[in-house]
Structure formats: structure tokens, C-alpha cells
Amino acid sequence: MEWIFRISLIVIFSLFSIIRIQYQRIVQKAGYKTVIEESKKYSVFLSILICFEVFTLFLFLFLPELFSWSNLPLPIWLRWLGVFLAAAALTLFIWVHQHLGNNFSVKLRIKDTQKLIASGPYQWIRHPMYSAFYILHIASFLLIANWFIGITWITGLTLIIILRTDREEAMMIQAFGDDYRSYIDRTGKFTPSFRLQAIIKKKLS
């Protein structure tokens, strides 16, 4: 049974990499010029986090005894829940990328062709990509069933998102002004806002 979860991890992260590479190629083919870009210090921090996650993932897959001291005896149904959450995260990744189109960028940057996207998941959430990352990290924690890996991965992701979201929204306000401020008022950061939920509920009643 443990091998099933390990194989699931390999498949999940392989599919994630394929999705990212494919859409990155589409963006590169379209071409663009950078108008505003993040600082290099943030890029270094992001690279360190990615390297740490990849390194610990490979160690867990091929030398799991190194992490035996922090294993958690999670029930099988929770481990399987991780598989379904991972599938949901990958589905959300694809949906997000489809609506981002050429606006997608691994780095924080505003392009000369940048558009304010408010379709698909973006009509309810400003940062659905980060929501998908959180779901994927929670799914990975359930699949790995190791508290050290789960805590370090989720903590690292949280720090990245805290550093990134304010800068990203500042860039978008600089680029789109009141249009983006209005967009902030009617959407939630990572989940639909309570205000939006109330509006939907009122319309349906």
C-alpha cells in the first residue's frame, strides 16, 4: 500500500511539471516585454524553497528510513483523500492556466501584453494558483504521512505567498489602477469572499 502512495506522488508531481512546462512554452512562443519585475532576492528565496521540496521528496521516495522518526500513523482513508485532493489541485492548475493564458509567469512581473483576468476561477478568487498550491501541499502531506515534511513544506509555501501576494497586488494596482481595486472589492484572496457569497445567496433566494 505504501508503494501506491509513493507512485501517486511521482505521478502527481510529474503531471504538475508537465503542466507548468507546457504553459511556459506557450508564453515564451507568444513573446513579451517586461514592464515591471520583482526583486532578485525574492527569486532566490523561491528557488531555495523549490530545491528543498524536490530534495526532500527524492529522499523520502528512495530513502524513506531517513524520515522514519517523523512518520505519522494516518488512517488509510486520509491517505486516499490525499490522492483525490491532489487530483483536484491539478484540475484547478489546468483551469487557472487556461484562463491566465499568456499572462502566466513564474516570476512576479507585469508584461506589455498584461491583461486583468476576471474569468474562470478569477471571477471569484484573485489568487487561485496559490489556492491550488495549498491543496497540493496538503494532499502531499496526507500522502507522505510525515509531520516534518508536511510542516516544512506548508510553512515554506506560506512564507512565499505572504511575501508574494502583497507585491503582486501592488504591481497590479500600478498597472490597472481603479479597475484592480474594484476587482479586489468583489473577490477573495484564496477563497470566494463572504461578501460575494452573500450576493450569490441573495440572488438565488
Protein backbone atom coordinates (compact mmCIF):
# COMPACT_ATOMS: atom_id res chain seq x y z
CA MET A 1 0.00 0.00 0.00
CA GLU A 2 2.86 2.40 0.80
CA TRP A 3 4.23 1.98 -2.71
CA ILE A 4 0.87 3.00 -4.17
CA PHE A 5 1.09 6.34 -2.36
CA ARG A 6 4.71 6.85 -3.42
CA ILE A 7 3.86 6.13 -7.04
CA SER A 8 0.92 8.55 -6.71
CA LEU A 9 3.34 11.25 -5.54
CA ILE A 10 5.62 10.64 -8.53
CA VAL A 11 2.68 10.79 -10.96
CA ILE A 12 1.23 13.93 -9.33
CA PHE A 13 4.47 15.93 -9.38
CA SER A 14 5.32 14.70 -12.88
CA LEU A 15 1.94 15.92 -14.15
CA PHE A 16 2.40 19.20 -12.32
CA SER A 17 5.80 19.70 -14.01
CA ILE A 18 4.35 18.85 -17.44
CA ILE A 19 1.53 21.38 -16.98
CA ARG A 20 3.94 24.15 -15.95
CA ILE A 21 6.45 23.44 -18.72
CA GLN A 22 3.74 23.27 -21.37
CA TYR A 23 2.20 26.62 -20.49
CA GLN A 24 5.62 28.22 -20.02
CA ARG A 25 6.46 27.22 -23.60
CA ILE A 26 3.21 28.75 -24.86
CA VAL A 27 4.04 32.04 -23.11
CA GLN A 28 7.60 32.07 -24.47
CA LYS A 29 6.39 31.47 -28.02
CA ALA A 30 3.93 34.35 -27.75
CA GLY A 31 6.71 36.72 -26.67
CA TYR A 32 6.51 39.72 -24.36
CA LYS A 33 8.42 42.61 -22.82
CA THR A 34 8.67 43.05 -19.06
CA VAL A 35 7.36 46.39 -17.79
CA ILE A 36 7.62 45.77 -14.00
CA GLU A 37 9.54 42.93 -12.32
CA GLU A 38 10.09 41.61 -8.79
CA SER A 39 13.39 41.88 -6.93
CA LYS A 40 16.03 39.17 -7.42
CA LYS A 41 16.14 38.46 -3.67
CA TYR A 42 12.63 37.04 -3.79
CA SER A 43 13.52 34.83 -6.78
CA VAL A 44 16.43 33.36 -4.81
CA PHE A 45 14.16 32.58 -1.85
CA LEU A 46 11.64 30.89 -4.15
CA SER A 47 14.40 28.82 -5.79
CA ILE A 48 15.66 27.68 -2.36
CA LEU A 49 12.16 26.52 -1.38
CA ILE A 50 11.67 24.61 -4.63
CA CYS A 51 15.09 22.92 -4.30
CA PHE A 52 14.32 21.95 -0.68
CA GLU A 53 10.99 20.40 -1.62
CA VAL A 54 12.45 18.47 -4.56
CA PHE A 55 15.40 17.28 -2.44
CA THR A 56 13.24 16.09 0.48
CA LEU A 57 10.76 14.46 -1.92
CA PHE A 58 13.51 12.39 -3.58
CA LEU A 59 14.95 11.44 -0.19
CA PHE A 60 11.52 10.33 1.01
CA LEU A 61 10.85 8.30 -2.13
CA PHE A 62 14.16 6.48 -2.23
CA LEU A 63 15.46 6.65 1.36
CA PRO A 64 12.28 6.74 3.46
CA GLU A 65 14.08 5.39 6.53
CA LEU A 66 15.74 8.81 6.93
CA PHE A 67 12.33 10.25 7.88
CA SER A 68 11.01 7.35 9.95
CA TRP A 69 11.39 9.43 13.16
CA SER A 70 8.70 11.85 11.97
CA ASN A 71 6.22 9.44 10.36
CA LEU A 72 2.54 9.80 11.28
CA PRO A 73 0.20 6.81 11.58
CA LEU A 74 -2.53 8.32 9.41
CA PRO A 75 -5.53 6.11 8.59
CA ILE A 76 -5.71 4.75 5.04
CA TRP A 77 -8.78 6.79 4.19
CA LEU A 78 -6.86 10.01 4.89
CA ARG A 79 -4.03 8.85 2.64
CA TRP A 80 -6.56 8.20 -0.15
CA LEU A 81 -8.09 11.61 0.49
CA GLY A 82 -4.64 12.98 -0.38
CA VAL A 83 -4.88 11.33 -3.81
CA PHE A 84 -8.26 12.95 -4.52
CA LEU A 85 -7.11 16.35 -3.23
CA ALA A 86 -4.05 16.16 -5.47
CA ALA A 87 -6.29 15.40 -8.47
CA ALA A 88 -8.45 18.41 -7.55
CA ALA A 89 -5.33 20.62 -7.27
CA LEU A 90 -4.08 19.54 -10.71
CA THR A 91 -7.52 20.18 -12.21
CA LEU A 92 -7.51 23.67 -10.69
CA PHE A 93 -3.97 24.27 -12.02
CA ILE A 94 -5.11 23.49 -15.56
CA TRP A 95 -8.22 25.68 -15.19
CA VAL A 96 -6.13 28.57 -13.88
CA HIS A 97 -3.56 28.27 -16.67
CA GLN A 98 -6.25 28.13 -19.34
CA HIS A 99 -7.65 31.47 -18.19
CA LEU A 100 -4.26 33.07 -17.49
CA GLY A 101 -3.03 32.29 -20.98
CA ASN A 102 -0.08 34.49 -21.93
CA ASN A 103 -0.33 36.35 -18.62
CA PHE A 104 1.27 33.39 -16.84
CA SER A 105 4.73 33.90 -15.36
CA VAL A 106 6.71 32.04 -12.71
CA LYS A 107 8.26 35.35 -11.66
CA LEU A 108 6.32 38.37 -10.49
CA ARG A 109 6.24 40.65 -13.50
CA ILE A 110 3.94 42.91 -15.47
CA LYS A 111 4.22 42.43 -19.23
CA ASP A 112 3.46 44.84 -22.03
CA THR A 113 0.64 42.47 -23.05
CA GLN A 114 -0.70 42.05 -19.49
CA LYS A 115 -4.47 41.82 -19.06
CA LEU A 116 -6.68 41.85 -15.97
CA ILE A 117 -8.19 38.35 -15.92
CA ALA A 118 -11.61 38.04 -14.26
CA SER A 119 -12.88 34.83 -15.86
CA GLY A 120 -12.86 31.20 -14.75
CA PRO A 121 -11.68 30.87 -11.13
CA TYR A 122 -10.54 34.51 -11.24
CA GLN A 123 -14.13 35.74 -11.16
CA TRP A 124 -14.29 34.63 -7.51
CA ILE A 125 -10.66 34.39 -6.33
CA ARG A 126 -7.70 36.70 -7.01
CA HIS A 127 -5.04 34.04 -6.44
CA PRO A 128 -6.48 30.62 -7.38
CA MET A 129 -2.98 29.44 -8.34
CA TYR A 130 -1.88 29.77 -4.71
CA SER A 131 -5.09 28.05 -3.57
CA ALA A 132 -4.16 25.13 -5.83
CA PHE A 133 -0.64 25.08 -4.33
CA TYR A 134 -2.09 24.87 -0.83
CA ILE A 135 -4.39 22.00 -1.82
CA LEU A 136 -1.45 20.21 -3.45
CA HIS A 137 0.74 20.65 -0.36
CA ILE A 138 -1.99 19.38 1.97
CA ALA A 139 -2.51 16.42 -0.38
CA SER A 140 1.23 15.71 -0.36
CA PHE A 141 1.28 15.81 3.45
CA LEU A 142 -1.52 13.22 3.60
CA LEU A 143 0.21 11.00 1.04
CA ILE A 144 3.63 11.24 2.69
CA ALA A 145 2.20 10.98 6.24
CA ASN A 146 5.26 12.67 7.71
CA TRP A 147 4.89 15.69 10.01
CA PHE A 148 8.41 17.08 9.37
CA ILE A 149 7.95 17.21 5.59
CA GLY A 150 4.37 18.44 5.92
CA ILE A 151 5.22 21.29 8.31
CA THR A 152 8.35 22.46 6.45
CA TRP A 153 6.66 22.38 3.04
CA ILE A 154 3.49 24.17 4.14
CA THR A 155 5.43 26.72 6.23
CA GLY A 156 7.76 27.48 3.31
CA LEU A 157 4.80 27.86 0.94
CA THR A 158 3.05 30.19 3.39
CA LEU A 159 6.13 32.43 3.69
CA ILE A 160 6.43 32.60 -0.10
CA ILE A 161 2.76 33.51 -0.51
CA ILE A 162 2.91 36.14 2.25
CA LEU A 163 5.89 37.76 0.53
CA ARG A 164 4.38 37.42 -2.92
CA THR A 165 0.72 38.43 -2.71
CA ASP A 166 1.17 42.00 -1.44
CA ARG A 167 3.87 42.68 -4.03
CA GLU A 168 1.80 41.12 -6.78
CA GLU A 169 -1.29 43.15 -5.92
CA ALA A 170 0.79 46.33 -5.68
CA MET A 171 2.08 45.65 -9.20
CA MET A 172 -1.44 45.02 -10.48
CA ILE A 173 -2.71 48.27 -8.90
CA GLN A 174 0.20 50.09 -10.52
CA ALA A 175 -0.74 48.58 -13.88
CA PHE A 176 -4.56 48.66 -13.72
CA GLY A 177 -5.36 51.25 -11.04
CA ASP A 178 -9.03 51.53 -10.02
CA ASP A 179 -10.02 48.53 -12.15
CA TYR A 180 -7.92 46.28 -9.95
CA ARG A 181 -9.06 48.00 -6.74
CA SER A 182 -12.66 47.30 -7.79
CA TYR A 183 -11.67 43.70 -8.57
CA ILE A 184 -10.24 43.37 -5.03
CA ASP A 185 -13.54 44.57 -3.55
CA ARG A 186 -15.58 41.84 -5.22
CA THR A 187 -13.23 38.85 -4.84
CA GLY A 188 -11.49 36.87 -2.10
CA LYS A 189 -7.75 36.28 -1.95
CA PHE A 190 -7.68 32.48 -1.87
CA THR A 191 -11.34 31.58 -1.40
CA PRO A 192 -14.54 33.33 -2.51
CA SER A 193 -15.23 36.30 -0.22
CA PHE A 194 -18.08 36.24 2.29
CA ARG A 195 -19.42 39.34 0.58
CA LEU A 196 -19.58 37.52 -2.76
CA GLN A 197 -21.21 34.51 -1.14
CA ALA A 198 -23.88 36.77 0.38
CA ILE A 199 -24.57 38.36 -3.02
CA ILE A 200 -24.92 34.95 -4.70
CA LYS A 201 -27.18 33.69 -1.91
CA LYS A 202 -29.36 36.80 -2.20
CA LYS A 203 -29.74 36.37 -5.96
CA LEU A 204 -30.68 32.70 -5.60
CA SER A 205 -33.26 33.36 -2.86
